[in-house]
Amino acid sequence: MKPFVYVTRQVPDAIYKRLAAKYDVEMWKEADKAVPREILLDKVSKADALLTVITDVVDEELFSRASSLKVVANMAVGIDNIDLDAASRYGVSICNTPDVLTDTTADLTFTLLLATARRVTEAAEFVKEGKWTSWAPMMLVGTDVHHKKIGIVGMGKIGTAVAKRAAGFDMDILYHNRNRHEVAEEMLGAQYRSLDGLLEEADFIVCLAPLNDDTRGLFQREHFQKMKKEAIFINASRGPIINEQALIEALEAKEIAAAGLDVFDKEPIHTDHPFLTMKNVVSLPHIGSATKETRMAMMRTCCENIEAVIDDGHPRTLVNKEVLHFD
């Protein structure tokens, strides 16, 4: 009897066929809807492997239902949707997809920064709504990006890749991180700052920190109040790092100029969310890694990890290294 693999989202034929060539595979096929919790719990009861996405909650309850689960291949770098302690207790390998999405996510992050600074989405809607009737000197003016100061909170691989792009715009690069990043300092001229120092000095604050117990709720109202009134805040990491109500209030009070957001506290956000009516907010549907090339690479990494664990090999990107299914 073949091992059973459950895939929680619709994937391209090439990925499905790769898994189906070796395993009994079942896939949730409603592209615009997440797999219901009760169905996921039912499927995991007989699954040897899960291929999940960042919005799937993989917790103690799920592991307790799984009698033969060996591996969860999570299609993301972050694993904040997974209870790692529970996974290890139940002997389940957790794998993610680092590296393959670094440059793509950095591209999107800088795109979001540019779009917010230059009011790109607002300008596009302005044209679509037939409001462009003439040219005016101060029509839809934004703010320069070049020669400004960027402050990166979270100088990991993606943060460093964003810093490289900022260097191309002749920006001064400031960063705050748990540890100093000597390579970025030497190669890019990046300058370390305390969090408060960065908030007070930077023109653009870009949040790229991972979500964990230390960063959850990191940005509160007092942090936005420390920023320049002309500052633009960008979040391309995880929504719960930000107190959204505090950001809304800071924007309404004009304590900062604008925000560009690819992630939110609860996703997807509802159509009545205050961000969606604020002209100085650019909201995107969590598309940091959304290119054909990168998403396929992420799915191939998931397949490699599933194959490795089921075949008693070495997982490519094992997160909870204390759980090993090989000698």
C-alpha atoms as a PDB file:
ATOM      1  CA  MET A   1       0.000   0.000   0.000  1.00  0.00           C
ATOM      2  CA  LYS A   2       1.412   3.368  -1.078  1.00  0.00           C
ATOM      3  CA  PRO A   3       2.005   6.164   1.451  1.00  0.00           C
ATOM      4  CA  PHE A   4      -0.792   8.725   1.470  1.00  0.00           C
ATOM      5  CA  VAL A   5       0.015  12.396   0.803  1.00  0.00           C
ATOM      6  CA  TYR A   6      -2.594  15.096   1.332  1.00  0.00           C
ATOM      7  CA  VAL A   7      -2.135  18.456  -0.411  1.00  0.00           C
ATOM      8  CA  THR A   8      -4.115  21.277   1.181  1.00  0.00           C
ATOM      9  CA  ARG A   9      -4.294  23.533  -1.885  1.00  0.00           C
ATOM     10  CA  GLN A  10      -4.652  23.054  -5.618  1.00  0.00           C
ATOM     11  CA  VAL A  11      -1.209  22.684  -7.212  1.00  0.00           C
ATOM     12  CA  PRO A  12      -0.138  22.517 -10.877  1.00  0.00           C
ATOM     13  CA  ASP A  13      -0.336  19.203 -12.710  1.00  0.00           C
ATOM     14  CA  ALA A  14       3.439  18.807 -12.790  1.00  0.00           C
ATOM     15  CA  ILE A  15       3.610  18.843  -8.986  1.00  0.00           C
ATOM     16  CA  TYR A  16       0.607  16.596  -8.538  1.00  0.00           C
ATOM     17  CA  LYS A  17       1.932  14.068 -11.072  1.00  0.00           C
ATOM     18  CA  ARG A  18       5.361  14.053  -9.440  1.00  0.00           C
ATOM     19  CA  LEU A  19       3.839  13.026  -6.123  1.00  0.00           C
ATOM     20  CA  ALA A  20       1.244  10.703  -7.663  1.00  0.00           C
ATOM     21  CA  ALA A  21       3.973   8.744  -9.444  1.00  0.00           C
ATOM     22  CA  LYS A  22       5.107   7.419  -6.052  1.00  0.00           C
ATOM     23  CA  TYR A  23       2.288   7.967  -3.585  1.00  0.00           C
ATOM     24  CA  ASP A  24      -1.449   7.871  -3.107  1.00  0.00           C
ATOM     25  CA  VAL A  25      -2.204  11.596  -3.410  1.00  0.00           C
ATOM     26  CA  GLU A  26      -5.340  13.569  -2.656  1.00  0.00           C
ATOM     27  CA  MET A  27      -5.604  17.326  -3.195  1.00  0.00           C
ATOM     28  CA  TRP A  28      -8.087  19.982  -2.090  1.00  0.00           C
ATOM     29  CA  LYS A  29      -9.351  21.315  -5.411  1.00  0.00           C
ATOM     30  CA  GLU A  30     -11.266  24.509  -4.593  1.00  0.00           C
ATOM     31  CA  ALA A  31      -8.695  27.100  -5.668  1.00  0.00           C
ATOM     32  CA  ASP A  32     -10.387  30.074  -4.026  1.00  0.00           C
ATOM     33  CA  LYS A  33     -11.219  28.418  -0.709  1.00  0.00           C
ATOM     34  CA  ALA A  34      -9.093  26.981   2.070  1.00  0.00           C
ATOM     35  CA  VAL A  35      -9.606  23.360   3.005  1.00  0.00           C
ATOM     36  CA  PRO A  36     -12.144  23.256   5.857  1.00  0.00           C
ATOM     37  CA  ARG A  37     -10.689  22.331   9.224  1.00  0.00           C
ATOM     38  CA  GLU A  38     -12.851  19.256   9.655  1.00  0.00           C
ATOM     39  CA  ILE A  39     -11.721  17.878   6.299  1.00  0.00           C
ATOM     40  CA  LEU A  40      -8.055  18.512   7.070  1.00  0.00           C
ATOM     41  CA  LEU A  41      -8.409  16.724  10.421  1.00  0.00           C
ATOM     42  CA  ASP A  42     -10.086  13.792   8.679  1.00  0.00           C
ATOM     43  CA  LYS A  43      -7.411  13.518   5.987  1.00  0.00           C
ATOM     44  CA  VAL A  44      -4.509  13.752   8.415  1.00  0.00           C
ATOM     45  CA  SER A  45      -5.833  10.721  10.293  1.00  0.00           C
ATOM     46  CA  LYS A  46      -4.497   8.519   7.498  1.00  0.00           C
ATOM     47  CA  ALA A  47      -1.808  10.739   5.941  1.00  0.00           C
ATOM     48  CA  ASP A  48       1.898   9.967   5.865  1.00  0.00           C
ATOM     49  CA  ALA A  49       2.655  13.474   4.596  1.00  0.00           C
ATOM     50  CA  LEU A  50       0.992  16.860   4.313  1.00  0.00           C
ATOM     51  CA  LEU A  51       1.836  19.620   1.860  1.00  0.00           C
ATOM     52  CA  THR A  52       0.545  22.765   3.564  1.00  0.00           C
ATOM     53  CA  VAL A  53       0.499  26.534   3.115  1.00  0.00           C
ATOM     54  CA  ILE A  54       1.038  29.314   5.645  1.00  0.00           C
ATOM     55  CA  THR A  55      -2.665  29.713   6.462  1.00  0.00           C
ATOM     56  CA  ASP A  56      -3.157  26.068   7.452  1.00  0.00           C
ATOM     57  CA  VAL A  57      -3.159  25.670  11.231  1.00  0.00           C
ATOM     58  CA  VAL A  58      -0.973  22.683  12.071  1.00  0.00           C
ATOM     59  CA  ASP A  59      -1.331  22.284  15.821  1.00  0.00           C
ATOM     60  CA  GLU A  60      -1.544  19.818  18.707  1.00  0.00           C
ATOM     61  CA  GLU A  61      -5.091  18.837  17.754  1.00  0.00           C
ATOM     62  CA  LEU A  62      -4.009  17.970  14.225  1.00  0.00           C
ATOM     63  CA  PHE A  63      -0.991  15.934  15.334  1.00  0.00           C
ATOM     64  CA  SER A  64      -3.136  14.055  17.851  1.00  0.00           C
ATOM     65  CA  ARG A  65      -5.397  12.907  14.996  1.00  0.00           C
ATOM     66  CA  ALA A  66      -2.458  11.636  12.907  1.00  0.00           C
ATOM     67  CA  SER A  67      -1.478   8.004  13.360  1.00  0.00           C
ATOM     68  CA  SER A  68       1.093   7.721  10.561  1.00  0.00           C
ATOM     69  CA  LEU A  69       2.129  11.313   9.788  1.00  0.00           C
ATOM     70  CA  LYS A  70       5.865  11.611   9.170  1.00  0.00           C
ATOM     71  CA  VAL A  71       6.325  15.004   7.530  1.00  0.00           C
ATOM     72  CA  VAL A  72       4.644  18.368   6.999  1.00  0.00           C
ATOM     73  CA  ALA A  73       6.102  20.243   4.034  1.00  0.00           C
ATOM     74  CA  ASN A  74       5.070  23.863   4.553  1.00  0.00           C
ATOM     75  CA  MET A  75       5.112  26.010   1.416  1.00  0.00           C
ATOM     76  CA  ALA A  76       6.656  29.064   3.093  1.00  0.00           C
ATOM     77  CA  VAL A  77       9.777  30.220   4.860  1.00  0.00           C
ATOM     78  CA  GLY A  78       7.860  31.031   8.027  1.00  0.00           C
ATOM     79  CA  ILE A  79       6.490  28.212  10.143  1.00  0.00           C
ATOM     80  CA  ASP A  80       4.423  30.314  12.563  1.00  0.00           C
ATOM     81  CA  ASN A  81       1.322  28.340  11.520  1.00  0.00           C
ATOM     82  CA  ILE A  82       2.886  25.171  12.963  1.00  0.00           C
ATOM     83  CA  ASP A  83       3.287  24.089  16.582  1.00  0.00           C
ATOM     84  CA  LEU A  84       6.906  22.943  16.401  1.00  0.00           C
ATOM     85  CA  ASP A  85       6.992  21.605  19.946  1.00  0.00           C
ATOM     86  CA  ALA A  86       3.964  19.439  19.293  1.00  0.00           C
ATOM     87  CA  ALA A  87       5.412  18.263  15.981  1.00  0.00           C
ATOM     88  CA  SER A  88       8.592  17.134  17.686  1.00  0.00           C
ATOM     89  CA  ARG A  89       6.686  15.363  20.459  1.00  0.00           C
ATOM     90  CA  TYR A  90       4.729  13.428  17.859  1.00  0.00           C
ATOM     91  CA  GLY A  91       7.873  12.692  15.831  1.00  0.00           C
ATOM     92  CA  VAL A  92       6.806  14.667  12.748  1.00  0.00           C
ATOM     93  CA  SER A  93       9.412  16.379  10.575  1.00  0.00           C
ATOM     94  CA  ILE A  94       8.583  19.989   9.691  1.00  0.00           C
ATOM     95  CA  CYS A  95      10.138  21.359   6.513  1.00  0.00           C
ATOM     96  CA  ASN A  96       9.921  24.827   4.956  1.00  0.00           C
ATOM     97  CA  THR A  97      11.021  26.487   1.711  1.00  0.00           C
ATOM     98  CA  PRO A  98      13.825  28.968   2.448  1.00  0.00           C
ATOM     99  CA  ASP A  99      16.251  30.504  -0.053  1.00  0.00           C
ATOM    100  CA  VAL A 100      14.153  29.911  -3.191  1.00  0.00           C
ATOM    101  CA  LEU A 101      11.892  32.895  -2.496  1.00  0.00           C
ATOM    102  CA  THR A 102      14.436  35.385  -1.142  1.00  0.00           C
ATOM    103  CA  ASP A 103      14.950  37.515  -4.242  1.00  0.00           C
ATOM    104  CA  THR A 104      11.332  37.313  -5.355  1.00  0.00           C
ATOM    105  CA  THR A 105      10.064  38.507  -1.988  1.00  0.00           C
ATOM    106  CA  ALA A 106      12.693  41.258  -1.933  1.00  0.00           C
ATOM    107  CA  ASP A 107      11.505  42.375  -5.379  1.00  0.00           C
ATOM    108  CA  LEU A 108       7.922  42.598  -4.154  1.00  0.00           C
ATOM    109  CA  THR A 109       8.942  44.389  -0.966  1.00  0.00           C
ATOM    110  CA  PHE A 110      10.769  47.065  -2.907  1.00  0.00           C
ATOM    111  CA  THR A 111       7.907  47.251  -5.406  1.00  0.00           C
ATOM    112  CA  LEU A 112       5.543  47.909  -2.498  1.00  0.00           C
ATOM    113  CA  LEU A 113       7.874  50.607  -1.186  1.00  0.00           C
ATOM    114  CA  LEU A 114       8.007  52.309  -4.600  1.00  0.00           C
ATOM    115  CA  ALA A 115       4.262  51.970  -5.178  1.00  0.00           C
ATOM    116  CA  THR A 116       3.492  53.540  -1.805  1.00  0.00           C
ATOM    117  CA  ALA A 117       6.019  56.349  -2.174  1.00  0.00           C
ATOM    118  CA  ARG A 118       4.857  57.240  -5.687  1.00  0.00           C
ATOM    119  CA  ARG A 119       1.127  56.612  -5.059  1.00  0.00           C
ATOM    120  CA  VAL A 120       1.006  54.137  -7.931  1.00  0.00           C
ATOM    121  CA  THR A 121      -2.247  52.333  -7.094  1.00  0.00           C
ATOM    122  CA  GLU A 122      -3.997  55.599  -6.286  1.00  0.00           C
ATOM    123  CA  ALA A 123      -2.820  57.059  -9.597  1.00  0.00           C
ATOM    124  CA  ALA A 124      -3.954  53.990 -11.548  1.00  0.00           C
ATOM    125  CA  GLU A 125      -7.430  54.230  -9.996  1.00  0.00           C
ATOM    126  CA  PHE A 126      -7.442  57.973 -10.718  1.00  0.00           C
ATOM    127  CA  VAL A 127      -7.082  57.221 -14.427  1.00  0.00           C
ATOM    128  CA  LYS A 128      -9.593  54.341 -14.412  1.00  0.00           C
ATOM    129  CA  GLU A 129     -12.194  56.526 -12.719  1.00  0.00           C
ATOM    130  CA  GLY A 130     -11.919  59.167 -15.446  1.00  0.00           C
ATOM    131  CA  LYS A 131     -10.555  61.821 -13.082  1.00  0.00           C
ATOM    132  CA  TRP A 132      -7.508  62.669 -15.226  1.00  0.00           C
ATOM    133  CA  THR A 133      -8.735  65.679 -17.139  1.00  0.00           C
ATOM    134  CA  SER A 134      -5.529  67.718 -17.322  1.00  0.00           C
ATOM    135  CA  TRP A 135      -1.933  67.883 -16.074  1.00  0.00           C
ATOM    136  CA  ALA A 136      -1.203  69.840 -12.917  1.00  0.00           C
ATOM    137  CA  PRO A 137       2.127  70.561 -11.203  1.00  0.00           C
ATOM    138  CA  MET A 138       1.151  68.981  -7.881  1.00  0.00           C
ATOM    139  CA  MET A 139      -1.231  66.278  -9.104  1.00  0.00           C
ATOM    140  CA  LEU A 140      -0.648  63.002  -7.250  1.00  0.00           C
ATOM    141  CA  VAL A 141       2.845  63.953  -6.145  1.00  0.00           C
ATOM    142  CA  GLY A 142       4.603  61.351  -4.083  1.00  0.00           C
ATOM    143  CA  THR A 143       8.011  61.326  -2.444  1.00  0.00           C
ATOM    144  CA  ASP A 144      11.475  60.430  -3.710  1.00  0.00           C
ATOM    145  CA  VAL A 145      13.011  57.090  -2.840  1.00  0.00           C
ATOM    146  CA  HIS A 146      16.532  57.687  -4.065  1.00  0.00           C
ATOM    147  CA  HIS A 147      19.029  59.165  -1.600  1.00  0.00           C
ATOM    148  CA  LYS A 148      16.612  58.578   1.304  1.00  0.00           C
ATOM    149  CA  LYS A 149      17.200  56.488   4.418  1.00  0.00           C
ATOM    150  CA  ILE A 150      15.733  53.003   4.548  1.00  0.00           C
ATOM    151  CA  GLY A 151      15.410  51.309   7.923  1.00  0.00           C
ATOM    152  CA  ILE A 152      15.144  47.516   7.721  1.00  0.00           C
ATOM    153  CA  VAL A 153      13.800  45.707  10.779  1.00  0.00           C
ATOM    154  CA  GLY A 154      14.906  42.098  10.384  1.00  0.00           C
ATOM    155  CA  MET A 155      18.165  41.792   8.444  1.00  0.00           C
ATOM    156  CA  GLY A 156      17.885  38.165   7.421  1.00  0.00           C
ATOM    157  CA  LYS A 157      18.242  36.874   3.881  1.00  0.00           C
ATOM    158  CA  ILE A 158      15.260  38.815   2.552  1.00  0.00           C
ATOM    159  CA  GLY A 159      16.226  41.947   4.479  1.00  0.00           C
ATOM    160  CA  THR A 160      19.732  41.768   3.021  1.00  0.00           C
ATOM    161  CA  ALA A 161      18.307  41.321  -0.480  1.00  0.00           C
ATOM    162  CA  VAL A 162      16.114  44.412   0.034  1.00  0.00           C
ATOM    163  CA  ALA A 163      19.196  46.304   1.226  1.00  0.00           C
ATOM    164  CA  LYS A 164      20.974  45.408  -2.034  1.00  0.00           C
ATOM    165  CA  ARG A 165      18.089  46.887  -3.992  1.00  0.00           C
ATOM    166  CA  ALA A 166      18.115  49.990  -1.798  1.00  0.00           C
ATOM    167  CA  ALA A 167      21.821  50.423  -2.535  1.00  0.00           C
ATOM    168  CA  GLY A 168      20.918  50.638  -6.213  1.00  0.00           C
ATOM    169  CA  PHE A 169      18.736  53.638  -5.377  1.00  0.00           C
ATOM    170  CA  ASP A 170      21.615  55.285  -3.506  1.00  0.00           C
ATOM    171  CA  MET A 171      19.749  54.957  -0.238  1.00  0.00           C
ATOM    172  CA  ASP A 172      21.421  55.069   3.154  1.00  0.00           C
ATOM    173  CA  ILE A 173      20.823  51.658   4.704  1.00  0.00           C
ATOM    174  CA  LEU A 174      19.976  51.407   8.393  1.00  0.00           C
ATOM    175  CA  TYR A 175      19.000  48.159  10.036  1.00  0.00           C
ATOM    176  CA  HIS A 176      17.908  46.640  13.314  1.00  0.00           C
ATOM    177  CA  ASN A 177      18.396  42.956  13.958  1.00  0.00           C
ATOM    178  CA  ARG A 178      18.810  40.546  16.832  1.00  0.00           C
ATOM    179  CA  ASN A 179      22.462  40.154  15.800  1.00  0.00           C
ATOM    180  CA  ARG A 180      24.826  42.454  13.941  1.00  0.00           C
ATOM    181  CA  HIS A 181      25.188  41.698  10.230  1.00  0.00           C
ATOM    182  CA  GLU A 182      28.866  42.369   9.550  1.00  0.00           C
ATOM    183  CA  VAL A 183      28.670  41.237   5.913  1.00  0.00           C
ATOM    184  CA  ALA A 184      25.900  43.731   5.105  1.00  0.00           C
ATOM    185  CA  GLU A 185      27.817  46.436   6.923  1.00  0.00           C
ATOM    186  CA  GLU A 186      30.980  45.736   4.944  1.00  0.00           C
ATOM    187  CA  MET A 187      29.443  45.053   1.522  1.00  0.00           C
ATOM    188  CA  LEU A 188      26.526  47.509   1.542  1.00  0.00           C
ATOM    189  CA  GLY A 189      27.559  50.092   4.091  1.00  0.00           C
ATOM    190  CA  ALA A 190      24.583  49.119   6.252  1.00  0.00           C
ATOM    191  CA  GLN A 191      24.531  50.829   9.639  1.00  0.00           C
ATOM    192  CA  TYR A 192      23.205  49.152  12.773  1.00  0.00           C
ATOM    193  CA  ARG A 193      20.707  51.084  14.893  1.00  0.00           C
ATOM    194  CA  SER A 194      18.658  50.414  17.990  1.00  0.00           C
ATOM    195  CA  LEU A 195      14.981  50.010  17.130  1.00  0.00           C
ATOM    196  CA  ASP A 196      14.126  53.461  18.478  1.00  0.00           C
ATOM    197  CA  GLY A 197      17.096  55.013  16.685  1.00  0.00           C
ATOM    198  CA  LEU A 198      16.045  53.460  13.399  1.00  0.00           C
ATOM    199  CA  LEU A 199      12.423  54.581  13.771  1.00  0.00           C
ATOM    200  CA  GLU A 200      13.472  58.166  14.462  1.00  0.00           C
ATOM    201  CA  GLU A 201      15.969  58.404  11.606  1.00  0.00           C
ATOM    202  CA  ALA A 202      14.625  56.397   8.651  1.00  0.00           C
ATOM    203  CA  ASP A 203      12.411  57.766   5.899  1.00  0.00           C
ATOM    204  CA  PHE A 204      11.180  54.275   5.012  1.00  0.00           C
ATOM    205  CA  ILE A 205      10.743  51.610   7.686  1.00  0.00           C
ATOM    206  CA  VAL A 206      10.552  48.095   6.229  1.00  0.00           C
ATOM    207  CA  CYS A 207       9.471  45.250   8.495  1.00  0.00           C
ATOM    208  CA  LEU A 208      10.961  41.905   7.486  1.00  0.00           C
ATOM    209  CA  ALA A 209      11.291  40.261  10.884  1.00  0.00           C
ATOM    210  CA  PRO A 210      10.079  36.693  11.441  1.00  0.00           C
ATOM    211  CA  LEU A 211       6.985  36.184  13.554  1.00  0.00           C
ATOM    212  CA  ASN A 212       7.797  34.704  16.945  1.00  0.00           C
ATOM    213  CA  ASP A 213       7.136  35.396  20.628  1.00  0.00           C
ATOM    214  CA  ASP A 214       9.611  38.290  20.596  1.00  0.00           C
ATOM    215  CA  THR A 215       8.206  40.034  17.525  1.00  0.00           C
ATOM    216  CA  ARG A 216       4.455  39.472  17.902  1.00  0.00           C
ATOM    217  CA  GLY A 217       2.960  42.931  18.477  1.00  0.00           C
ATOM    218  CA  LEU A 218       6.378  44.553  18.072  1.00  0.00           C
ATOM    219  CA  PHE A 219       4.976  47.712  16.465  1.00  0.00           C
ATOM    220  CA  GLN A 220       2.606  49.629  18.724  1.00  0.00           C
ATOM    221  CA  ARG A 221       1.278  53.204  18.605  1.00  0.00           C
ATOM    222  CA  GLU A 222       4.332  54.604  20.409  1.00  0.00           C
ATOM    223  CA  HIS A 223       6.597  53.140  17.738  1.00  0.00           C
ATOM    224  CA  PHE A 224       4.719  54.877  14.927  1.00  0.00           C
ATOM    225  CA  GLN A 225       4.821  58.098  16.943  1.00  0.00           C
ATOM    226  CA  LYS A 226       8.615  57.877  17.015  1.00  0.00           C
ATOM    227  CA  MET A 227       8.742  57.923  13.204  1.00  0.00           C
ATOM    228  CA  LYS A 228       8.999  61.029  11.070  1.00  0.00           C
ATOM    229  CA  LYS A 229       5.684  62.488   9.978  1.00  0.00           C
ATOM    230  CA  GLU A 230       6.869  61.956   6.379  1.00  0.00           C
ATOM    231  CA  ALA A 231       7.846  58.336   7.045  1.00  0.00           C
ATOM    232  CA  ILE A 232       6.411  55.448   5.064  1.00  0.00           C
ATOM    233  CA  PHE A 233       5.932  52.081   6.766  1.00  0.00           C
ATOM    234  CA  ILE A 234       6.183  48.816   4.798  1.00  0.00           C
ATOM    235  CA  ASN A 235       5.287  45.373   6.129  1.00  0.00           C
ATOM    236  CA  ALA A 236       6.132  42.320   4.021  1.00  0.00           C
ATOM    237  CA  SER A 237       6.788  39.860   6.839  1.00  0.00           C
ATOM    238  CA  ARG A 238       3.791  38.802   8.966  1.00  0.00           C
ATOM    239  CA  GLY A 239       0.690  40.743   9.954  1.00  0.00           C
ATOM    240  CA  PRO A 240       0.641  39.994  13.716  1.00  0.00           C
ATOM    241  CA  ILE A 241       3.966  41.787  14.153  1.00  0.00           C
ATOM    242  CA  ILE A 242       1.940  44.987  13.816  1.00  0.00           C
ATOM    243  CA  ASN A 243      -0.842  46.281  16.013  1.00  0.00           C
ATOM    244  CA  GLU A 244      -3.127  47.124  13.102  1.00  0.00           C
ATOM    245  CA  GLN A 245      -5.389  49.416  15.095  1.00  0.00           C
ATOM    246  CA  ALA A 246      -2.336  51.371  16.230  1.00  0.00           C
ATOM    247  CA  LEU A 247      -1.219  51.747  12.607  1.00  0.00           C
ATOM    248  CA  ILE A 248      -4.696  52.878  11.549  1.00  0.00           C
ATOM    249  CA  GLU A 249      -4.753  55.494  14.295  1.00  0.00           C
ATOM    250  CA  ALA A 250      -1.242  56.685  13.420  1.00  0.00           C
ATOM    251  CA  LEU A 251      -2.225  57.114   9.770  1.00  0.00           C
ATOM    252  CA  GLU A 252      -5.476  58.899  10.639  1.00  0.00           C
ATOM    253  CA  ALA A 253      -3.593  61.234  13.000  1.00  0.00           C
ATOM    254  CA  LYS A 254      -1.017  61.860  10.261  1.00  0.00           C
ATOM    255  CA  GLU A 255       1.766  60.708  12.569  1.00  0.00           C
ATOM    256  CA  ILE A 256       3.226  58.908   9.541  1.00  0.00           C
ATOM    257  CA  ALA A 257       2.594  59.564   5.869  1.00  0.00           C
ATOM    258  CA  ALA A 258       1.640  56.201   4.399  1.00  0.00           C
ATOM    259  CA  ALA A 259       1.857  52.431   4.634  1.00  0.00           C
ATOM    260  CA  GLY A 260       2.399  49.583   2.176  1.00  0.00           C
ATOM    261  CA  LEU A 261       1.178  46.189   3.379  1.00  0.00           C
ATOM    262  CA  ASP A 262       1.425  42.719   1.876  1.00  0.00           C
ATOM    263  CA  VAL A 263       0.414  40.952   5.095  1.00  0.00           C
ATOM    264  CA  PHE A 264      -2.306  41.396   7.689  1.00  0.00           C
ATOM    265  CA  ASP A 265      -3.280  40.223  11.135  1.00  0.00           C
ATOM    266  CA  LYS A 266      -6.072  38.060   9.740  1.00  0.00           C
ATOM    267  CA  GLU A 267      -5.953  36.965   6.118  1.00  0.00           C
ATOM    268  CA  PRO A 268      -7.731  37.496   3.863  1.00  0.00           C
ATOM    269  CA  ILE A 269      -8.923  40.858   5.136  1.00  0.00           C
ATOM    270  CA  HIS A 270     -12.596  41.746   4.789  1.00  0.00           C
ATOM    271  CA  THR A 271     -13.801  44.304   2.277  1.00  0.00           C
ATOM    272  CA  ASP A 272     -14.827  46.624   5.123  1.00  0.00           C
ATOM    273  CA  HIS A 273     -11.314  46.764   6.590  1.00  0.00           C
ATOM    274  CA  PRO A 274     -10.284  50.405   7.242  1.00  0.00           C
ATOM    275  CA  PHE A 275      -7.055  49.990   5.254  1.00  0.00           C
ATOM    276  CA  LEU A 276      -9.061  49.533   2.062  1.00  0.00           C
ATOM    277  CA  THR A 277     -10.598  53.006   2.233  1.00  0.00           C
ATOM    278  CA  MET A 278      -7.370  54.831   3.097  1.00  0.00           C
ATOM    279  CA  LYS A 279      -5.772  56.423   0.043  1.00  0.00           C
ATOM    280  CA  ASN A 280      -2.359  56.477   1.688  1.00  0.00           C
ATOM    281  CA  VAL A 281      -2.319  52.697   2.179  1.00  0.00           C
ATOM    282  CA  VAL A 282      -1.332  50.187  -0.508  1.00  0.00           C
ATOM    283  CA  SER A 283      -2.759  46.774   0.349  1.00  0.00           C
ATOM    284  CA  LEU A 284      -1.692  43.588  -1.439  1.00  0.00           C
ATOM    285  CA  PRO A 285      -2.980  40.007  -0.940  1.00  0.00           C
ATOM    286  CA  HIS A 286       0.188  38.407   0.524  1.00  0.00           C
ATOM    287  CA  ILE A 287       1.941  37.947  -2.821  1.00  0.00           C
ATOM    288  CA  GLY A 288       5.556  38.308  -1.696  1.00  0.00           C
ATOM    289  CA  SER A 289       6.672  35.078  -3.364  1.00  0.00           C
ATOM    290  CA  ALA A 290       4.027  35.061  -6.113  1.00  0.00           C
ATOM    291  CA  THR A 291       5.909  34.495  -9.335  1.00  0.00           C
ATOM    292  CA  LYS A 292       5.535  31.351 -11.455  1.00  0.00           C
ATOM    293  CA  GLU A 293       9.214  30.550 -11.126  1.00  0.00           C
ATOM    294  CA  THR A 294       9.370  30.928  -7.359  1.00  0.00           C
ATOM    295  CA  ARG A 295       6.098  29.210  -6.491  1.00  0.00           C
ATOM    296  CA  MET A 296       7.107  26.221  -8.618  1.00  0.00           C
ATOM    297  CA  ALA A 297      10.495  26.141  -6.890  1.00  0.00           C
ATOM    298  CA  MET A 298       8.754  26.230  -3.503  1.00  0.00           C
ATOM    299  CA  MET A 299       6.505  23.326  -4.449  1.00  0.00           C
ATOM    300  CA  ARG A 300       9.426  21.313  -5.794  1.00  0.00           C
ATOM    301  CA  THR A 301      11.208  21.842  -2.467  1.00  0.00           C
ATOM    302  CA  CYS A 302       8.113  20.539  -0.687  1.00  0.00           C
ATOM    303  CA  CYS A 303       8.118  17.462  -2.917  1.00  0.00           C
ATOM    304  CA  GLU A 304      11.807  16.848  -2.254  1.00  0.00           C
ATOM    305  CA  ASN A 305      11.229  17.005   1.485  1.00  0.00           C
ATOM    306  CA  ILE A 306       8.247  14.672   1.364  1.00  0.00           C
ATOM    307  CA  GLU A 307      10.155  12.192  -0.786  1.00  0.00           C
ATOM    308  CA  ALA A 308      13.200  12.339   1.487  1.00  0.00           C
ATOM    309  CA  VAL A 309      11.295  11.694   4.706  1.00  0.00           C
ATOM    310  CA  ILE A 310       9.053   8.949   3.340  1.00  0.00           C
ATOM    311  CA  ASP A 311      12.042   7.242   1.719  1.00  0.00           C
ATOM    312  CA  ASP A 312      14.101   7.572   4.936  1.00  0.00           C
ATOM    313  CA  GLY A 313      16.473  10.070   3.393  1.00  0.00           C
ATOM    314  CA  HIS A 314      17.781  13.455   4.442  1.00  0.00           C
ATOM    315  CA  PRO A 315      15.175  16.266   4.266  1.00  0.00           C
ATOM    316  CA  ARG A 316      16.506  19.276   2.405  1.00  0.00           C
ATOM    317  CA  THR A 317      15.131  21.927   4.766  1.00  0.00           C
ATOM    318  CA  LEU A 318      14.274  20.320   8.081  1.00  0.00           C
ATOM    319  CA  VAL A 319      13.243  22.893  10.693  1.00  0.00           C
ATOM    320  CA  ASN A 320      12.899  20.786  13.855  1.00  0.00           C
ATOM    321  CA  LYS A 321      16.227  19.027  13.524  1.00  0.00           C
ATOM    322  CA  GLU A 322      15.738  17.080  16.739  1.00  0.00           C
ATOM    323  CA  VAL A 323      13.321  14.870  14.779  1.00  0.00           C
ATOM    324  CA  LEU A 324      15.161  12.770  12.225  1.00  0.00           C
ATOM    325  CA  HIS A 325      13.779   9.871  10.252  1.00  0.00           C
ATOM    326  CA  PHE A 326      17.138   8.657   9.053  1.00  0.00           C
ATOM    327  CA  ASP A 327      20.161   7.045  10.642  1.00  0.00           C
END
